[in-house]
Amino acid sequence: MITTEYVGLCAIDAIERLNSRNIKFEMKYTVPIKGFFKVNPDMLYIIRTRELKNGILELTSAAKMRKEVL
């Protein structure tokens, strides 16, 4: 299975594609150090994928960082 096609996609889009293809997956989330970087939790993007031994696709997502204007 080619898993790199999901990297960089919005999490919602990746989930829709996986569901339409009947591919089982698990989601993991990663966040920066608490309060150090401002993030937008409503905008998750896939940053890593890997196929687990049981055939399930593991997706790691992260929130997009907010722009800060100084």
C-alpha atoms as a PDB file:
ATOM      1  CA  MET A   1       0.000   0.000   0.000  1.00  0.00           C
ATOM      2  CA  ILE A   2       1.327   3.458  -0.895  1.00  0.00           C
ATOM      3  CA  THR A   3       0.898   5.562   2.211  1.00  0.00           C
ATOM      4  CA  THR A   4       2.725   8.765   1.288  1.00  0.00           C
ATOM      5  CA  GLU A   5      -0.185  10.088  -0.759  1.00  0.00           C
ATOM      6  CA  TYR A   6      -1.895  11.201   2.468  1.00  0.00           C
ATOM      7  CA  VAL A   7       1.022  13.249   3.847  1.00  0.00           C
ATOM      8  CA  GLY A   8       0.283  16.977   3.660  1.00  0.00           C
ATOM      9  CA  LEU A   9      -3.459  16.531   3.283  1.00  0.00           C
ATOM     10  CA  CYS A  10      -5.974  18.101   5.592  1.00  0.00           C
ATOM     11  CA  ALA A  11      -6.983  15.357   8.070  1.00  0.00           C
ATOM     12  CA  ILE A  12     -10.639  15.539   7.017  1.00  0.00           C
ATOM     13  CA  ASP A  13      -9.726  14.951   3.362  1.00  0.00           C
ATOM     14  CA  ALA A  14      -7.440  12.047   4.239  1.00  0.00           C
ATOM     15  CA  ILE A  15     -10.131  10.429   6.390  1.00  0.00           C
ATOM     16  CA  GLU A  16     -12.722  10.785   3.614  1.00  0.00           C
ATOM     17  CA  ARG A  17     -10.363   9.155   1.085  1.00  0.00           C
ATOM     18  CA  LEU A  18      -9.536   6.283   3.432  1.00  0.00           C
ATOM     19  CA  ASN A  19     -13.190   5.656   4.252  1.00  0.00           C
ATOM     20  CA  SER A  20     -14.175   5.692   0.570  1.00  0.00           C
ATOM     21  CA  ARG A  21     -11.472   3.067  -0.110  1.00  0.00           C
ATOM     22  CA  ASN A  22     -12.448   0.973   2.943  1.00  0.00           C
ATOM     23  CA  ILE A  23      -8.937   1.303   4.411  1.00  0.00           C
ATOM     24  CA  LYS A  24      -8.712   0.823   8.172  1.00  0.00           C
ATOM     25  CA  PHE A  25      -6.690   3.461   9.980  1.00  0.00           C
ATOM     26  CA  GLU A  26      -5.759   4.863  13.374  1.00  0.00           C
ATOM     27  CA  MET A  27      -5.121   8.536  14.146  1.00  0.00           C
ATOM     28  CA  LYS A  28      -2.367   9.893  16.349  1.00  0.00           C
ATOM     29  CA  TYR A  29      -2.003  13.540  17.225  1.00  0.00           C
ATOM     30  CA  THR A  30       1.080  15.540  18.038  1.00  0.00           C
ATOM     31  CA  VAL A  31       1.254  19.024  19.508  1.00  0.00           C
ATOM     32  CA  PRO A  32       4.110  21.442  20.162  1.00  0.00           C
ATOM     33  CA  ILE A  33       5.314  22.226  23.656  1.00  0.00           C
ATOM     34  CA  LYS A  34       2.379  23.606  25.623  1.00  0.00           C
ATOM     35  CA  GLY A  35       1.889  27.265  24.871  1.00  0.00           C
ATOM     36  CA  PHE A  36       5.196  27.742  23.052  1.00  0.00           C
ATOM     37  CA  PHE A  37       3.725  27.830  19.548  1.00  0.00           C
ATOM     38  CA  LYS A  38       0.226  29.051  18.765  1.00  0.00           C
ATOM     39  CA  VAL A  39      -1.716  26.452  16.786  1.00  0.00           C
ATOM     40  CA  ASN A  40      -5.112  26.225  15.183  1.00  0.00           C
ATOM     41  CA  PRO A  41      -6.652  22.984  16.539  1.00  0.00           C
ATOM     42  CA  ASP A  42      -9.399  23.092  13.889  1.00  0.00           C
ATOM     43  CA  MET A  43      -6.871  22.669  11.061  1.00  0.00           C
ATOM     44  CA  LEU A  44      -5.212  19.265  11.365  1.00  0.00           C
ATOM     45  CA  TYR A  45      -2.827  18.046   8.678  1.00  0.00           C
ATOM     46  CA  ILE A  46      -1.286  14.609   8.132  1.00  0.00           C
ATOM     47  CA  ILE A  47       2.455  14.764   8.753  1.00  0.00           C
ATOM     48  CA  ARG A  48       3.358  11.043   8.869  1.00  0.00           C
ATOM     49  CA  THR A  49       1.942   7.720   7.735  1.00  0.00           C
ATOM     50  CA  ARG A  50       3.026   4.146   8.239  1.00  0.00           C
ATOM     51  CA  GLU A  51       1.505   0.741   7.752  1.00  0.00           C
ATOM     52  CA  LEU A  52       1.260  -1.320  10.929  1.00  0.00           C
ATOM     53  CA  LYS A  53       1.888  -5.062  11.042  1.00  0.00           C
ATOM     54  CA  ASN A  54      -1.838  -5.770  11.225  1.00  0.00           C
ATOM     55  CA  GLY A  55      -2.445  -3.901   7.948  1.00  0.00           C
ATOM     56  CA  ILE A  56      -3.929  -0.840   9.592  1.00  0.00           C
ATOM     57  CA  LEU A  57      -2.648   2.536   8.411  1.00  0.00           C
ATOM     58  CA  GLU A  58      -1.406   4.820  11.174  1.00  0.00           C
ATOM     59  CA  LEU A  59      -1.790   8.543  10.490  1.00  0.00           C
ATOM     60  CA  THR A  60      -0.055  11.168  12.597  1.00  0.00           C
ATOM     61  CA  SER A  61      -1.572  14.629  12.409  1.00  0.00           C
ATOM     62  CA  ALA A  62      -0.562  18.031  13.715  1.00  0.00           C
ATOM     63  CA  ALA A  63      -2.369  21.329  13.974  1.00  0.00           C
ATOM     64  CA  LYS A  64      -1.376  24.115  11.621  1.00  0.00           C
ATOM     65  CA  MET A  65       0.570  26.879  13.328  1.00  0.00           C
ATOM     66  CA  ARG A  66      -1.104  30.263  13.450  1.00  0.00           C
ATOM     67  CA  LYS A  67       0.554  33.282  11.920  1.00  0.00           C
ATOM     68  CA  GLU A  68       1.825  35.805  14.399  1.00  0.00           C
ATOM     69  CA  VAL A  69       2.193  39.398  13.350  1.00  0.00           C
ATOM     70  CA  LEU A  70       4.665  41.414  15.367  1.00  0.00           C
END
